[in-house]
Every structure is written in C-alpha cells, then in structure tokens.
Amino acid sequence: MKTVLQHQSDFESRIGRTLFESQPLLLDKGRIQAYCKSLDQLDWFHFDQEQCQAAGFSDIIAPGSMTFALVHAIFFQNIELKNLTALFVGSDRFRVIRPIAANDSVTLGMTIAAVEDRDEGFRVTYQFDWRGAAEGDPVSNGTFLVRYWPN
C-alpha cells in the first residue's frame, strides 16, 4: 500500500522516520546492460562476465549511477502525491559503497530529513539508502531535494 502525501504537515510529521522500505529489486544482467547501453557506458565490467570473474567479481557489475537513477521509479511505487506539484531541484552526497553484481537484489529505504518553508510551497530533503536485500549491507546512499507546491 502506498503512503499518501498531500500537505506539508504530512511531510513534517515524518521527519527522521522511515518513509518506506522497498520490496527487493533484482538487478539482472539484462537490466544492467540495457541501462549501460542507454548511456553508451560500454566498459568491459558491465558486459564481460569472464573478465569480471577473473578480476574477482561474481558477475558483471552495475554502474554506480544505476541505483541513483532508480530512486525516482521506486519512490513512486511507494508514495502517492495528492494535490501537489513536485520539482526535483537537486541531489547531494551520492556515494557508492560497494559494487552490485548481476543478479544481486537491493532494497531502497527513504527518510525525510528536513522540510523547509519557501516563499511559495516547501522543500523536502530526502535521505536514501540502497542495501543488499539478503545481507542488508549498504550499497549506495545520498540525498534528494524536491520542491512542492499545492495544486
């Protein structure tokens, strides 16, 4: 079930609390390679399984930017905005903690870190953390900033 956010107070009441923890997402070889091809990111470690295994990896490796790019879709699988216009205004401190091999599953946890009034509307700072679905170990994390206006 999605969490519905409609008013600034809905965001403020959740500051410092987990907004959602996603279902596990499998990053299989096809998904990794399609993402890489879409960006013309054709490095061997995204395509050559044998060379990856020779380098000590279990399989091909997802680009670090892939978890960053997936935040938006996973956010809207878990959150419904009502009567709000949203505009992504930035990110901060994105970092990759460990590589993700093909067929690893990851989960996304999202927390509201801050809500700030603006001349029009308000800005929300989200902290996101990707973790290995099986081990719960950190994969990547960062911050998103989104501006909202009531419709």
Protein backbone atom coordinates (compact mmCIF):
# COMPACT_ATOMS: atom_id res chain seq x y z
CA MET A 1 0.00 0.00 0.00
CA LYS A 2 1.30 3.43 -0.96
CA THR A 3 1.84 6.21 1.56
CA VAL A 4 -0.25 9.25 0.56
CA LEU A 5 1.31 12.69 1.00
CA GLN A 6 -0.92 15.69 0.42
CA HIS A 7 0.04 18.53 2.75
CA GLN A 8 3.26 19.99 4.11
CA SER A 9 2.27 18.67 7.52
CA ASP A 10 2.25 15.10 6.10
CA PHE A 11 5.95 15.51 5.34
CA GLU A 12 6.78 17.31 8.59
CA SER A 13 5.19 14.59 10.72
CA ARG A 14 7.55 12.04 9.14
CA ILE A 15 10.86 13.88 9.63
CA GLY A 16 13.51 11.44 10.84
CA ARG A 17 11.27 8.41 10.30
CA THR A 18 11.49 5.83 7.56
CA LEU A 19 9.09 6.83 4.82
CA PHE A 20 9.30 3.43 3.13
CA GLU A 21 11.47 0.37 2.62
CA SER A 22 11.00 -1.01 -0.88
CA GLN A 23 10.48 -4.57 -1.95
CA PRO A 24 13.68 -6.27 -3.21
CA LEU A 25 14.63 -5.28 -6.74
CA LEU A 26 16.63 -7.79 -8.81
CA LEU A 27 19.35 -6.20 -10.91
CA ASP A 28 19.83 -8.89 -13.51
CA LYS A 29 22.28 -8.87 -16.40
CA GLY A 30 19.69 -7.72 -18.95
CA ARG A 31 18.61 -4.76 -16.86
CA ILE A 32 22.22 -3.71 -16.15
CA GLN A 33 23.25 -3.97 -19.79
CA ALA A 34 20.16 -2.15 -21.08
CA TYR A 35 20.90 0.71 -18.66
CA CYS A 36 24.55 0.82 -19.76
CA LYS A 37 23.64 0.79 -23.46
CA SER A 38 21.16 3.64 -22.93
CA LEU A 39 24.03 5.76 -21.61
CA ASP A 40 26.67 4.48 -24.04
CA GLN A 41 28.57 3.24 -20.99
CA LEU A 42 30.19 0.22 -22.62
CA ASP A 43 33.01 -0.61 -20.19
CA TRP A 44 34.02 -4.27 -20.13
CA PHE A 45 32.98 -4.77 -16.49
CA HIS A 46 29.33 -4.17 -17.48
CA PHE A 47 29.41 -6.76 -20.30
CA ASP A 48 32.21 -9.34 -19.99
CA GLN A 49 31.34 -11.92 -17.34
CA GLU A 50 34.54 -13.94 -17.79
CA GLN A 51 36.79 -10.91 -17.37
CA CYS A 52 34.78 -9.83 -14.31
CA GLN A 53 35.19 -13.26 -12.73
CA ALA A 54 38.93 -13.19 -13.49
CA ALA A 55 39.02 -9.80 -11.69
CA GLY A 56 37.37 -11.31 -8.61
CA PHE A 57 33.74 -10.35 -9.18
CA SER A 58 30.95 -12.93 -9.28
CA ASP A 59 29.42 -11.47 -12.45
CA ILE A 60 29.19 -8.23 -14.43
CA ILE A 61 28.92 -5.06 -12.35
CA ALA A 62 26.16 -2.44 -12.40
CA PRO A 63 27.28 1.16 -12.84
CA GLY A 64 27.26 3.18 -9.63
CA SER A 65 24.80 5.60 -11.18
CA MET A 66 22.20 2.88 -11.65
CA THR A 67 20.88 2.93 -8.07
CA PHE A 68 20.77 6.73 -8.24
CA ALA A 69 18.71 6.56 -11.42
CA LEU A 70 16.28 4.02 -9.94
CA VAL A 71 15.30 6.14 -6.92
CA HIS A 72 12.59 8.04 -8.82
CA ALA A 73 10.73 4.94 -10.03
CA ILE A 74 10.93 3.17 -6.67
CA PHE A 75 9.79 6.35 -4.88
CA PHE A 76 6.58 6.45 -6.91
CA GLN A 77 5.95 2.74 -6.41
CA ASN A 78 5.71 3.53 -2.69
CA ILE A 79 4.43 7.12 -2.49
CA GLU A 80 1.34 8.83 -3.88
CA LEU A 81 1.31 12.61 -4.02
CA LYS A 82 -2.14 14.24 -3.96
CA ASN A 83 -2.83 17.84 -4.94
CA LEU A 84 0.88 18.63 -5.09
CA THR A 85 3.15 19.75 -7.90
CA ALA A 86 6.71 18.48 -7.47
CA LEU A 87 10.00 19.58 -8.98
CA PHE A 88 13.30 17.76 -8.39
CA VAL A 89 15.79 20.51 -7.51
CA GLY A 90 18.98 18.64 -6.69
CA SER A 91 20.94 15.92 -5.03
CA ASP A 92 23.80 15.87 -2.60
CA ARG A 93 26.45 13.47 -1.33
CA PHE A 94 25.63 10.49 -3.53
CA ARG A 95 28.16 7.75 -2.93
CA VAL A 96 28.64 4.17 -3.96
CA ILE A 97 29.74 1.98 -1.06
CA ARG A 98 30.14 -1.33 -2.86
CA PRO A 99 29.63 -2.68 -6.37
CA ILE A 100 26.48 -4.56 -7.31
CA ALA A 101 26.94 -7.71 -9.37
CA ALA A 102 24.33 -9.02 -11.79
CA ASN A 103 21.57 -10.95 -10.03
CA ASP A 104 22.03 -9.10 -6.75
CA SER A 105 18.80 -7.79 -5.19
CA VAL A 106 18.67 -4.43 -3.48
CA THR A 107 16.13 -2.52 -1.41
CA LEU A 108 15.64 1.22 -1.09
CA GLY A 109 14.98 2.93 2.22
CA MET A 110 13.82 6.55 2.18
CA THR A 111 13.69 9.00 5.09
CA ILE A 112 12.56 12.62 5.24
CA ALA A 113 15.49 14.53 6.69
CA ALA A 114 14.06 18.07 6.58
CA VAL A 115 11.12 20.17 5.43
CA GLU A 116 11.70 23.87 4.78
CA ASP A 117 9.23 26.67 4.02
CA ARG A 118 9.81 28.58 0.79
CA ASP A 119 8.21 31.80 -0.50
CA GLU A 120 5.91 29.52 -2.44
CA GLY A 121 5.48 25.94 -1.28
CA PHE A 122 8.11 23.99 0.61
CA ARG A 123 11.27 21.95 0.04
CA VAL A 124 11.82 18.40 1.27
CA THR A 125 15.21 16.81 1.83
CA TYR A 126 15.10 13.03 1.41
CA GLN A 127 17.87 10.71 2.58
CA PHE A 128 18.00 7.47 0.59
CA ASP A 129 19.90 4.26 1.30
CA TRP A 130 20.20 1.27 -1.01
CA ARG A 131 21.04 -2.02 0.72
CA GLY A 132 21.70 -5.56 -0.34
CA ALA A 133 18.36 -7.35 0.03
CA ALA A 134 19.83 -10.51 1.51
CA GLU A 135 22.58 -9.13 3.74
CA GLY A 136 21.24 -5.65 4.47
CA ASP A 137 24.69 -4.23 3.74
CA PRO A 138 24.97 -0.67 2.38
CA VAL A 139 25.27 -0.35 -1.39
CA SER A 140 24.85 3.39 -2.03
CA ASN A 141 23.29 6.43 -0.41
CA GLY A 142 22.63 10.11 -0.90
CA THR A 143 20.20 12.98 -0.63
CA PHE A 144 17.48 14.30 -2.95
CA LEU A 145 15.90 17.75 -2.73
CA VAL A 146 12.36 18.22 -4.03
CA ARG A 147 10.25 21.38 -4.11
CA TYR A 148 6.47 21.07 -3.69
CA TRP A 149 3.57 23.43 -4.35
CA PRO A 150 -0.09 22.81 -3.54
CA ASN A 151 -2.29 22.48 -6.65
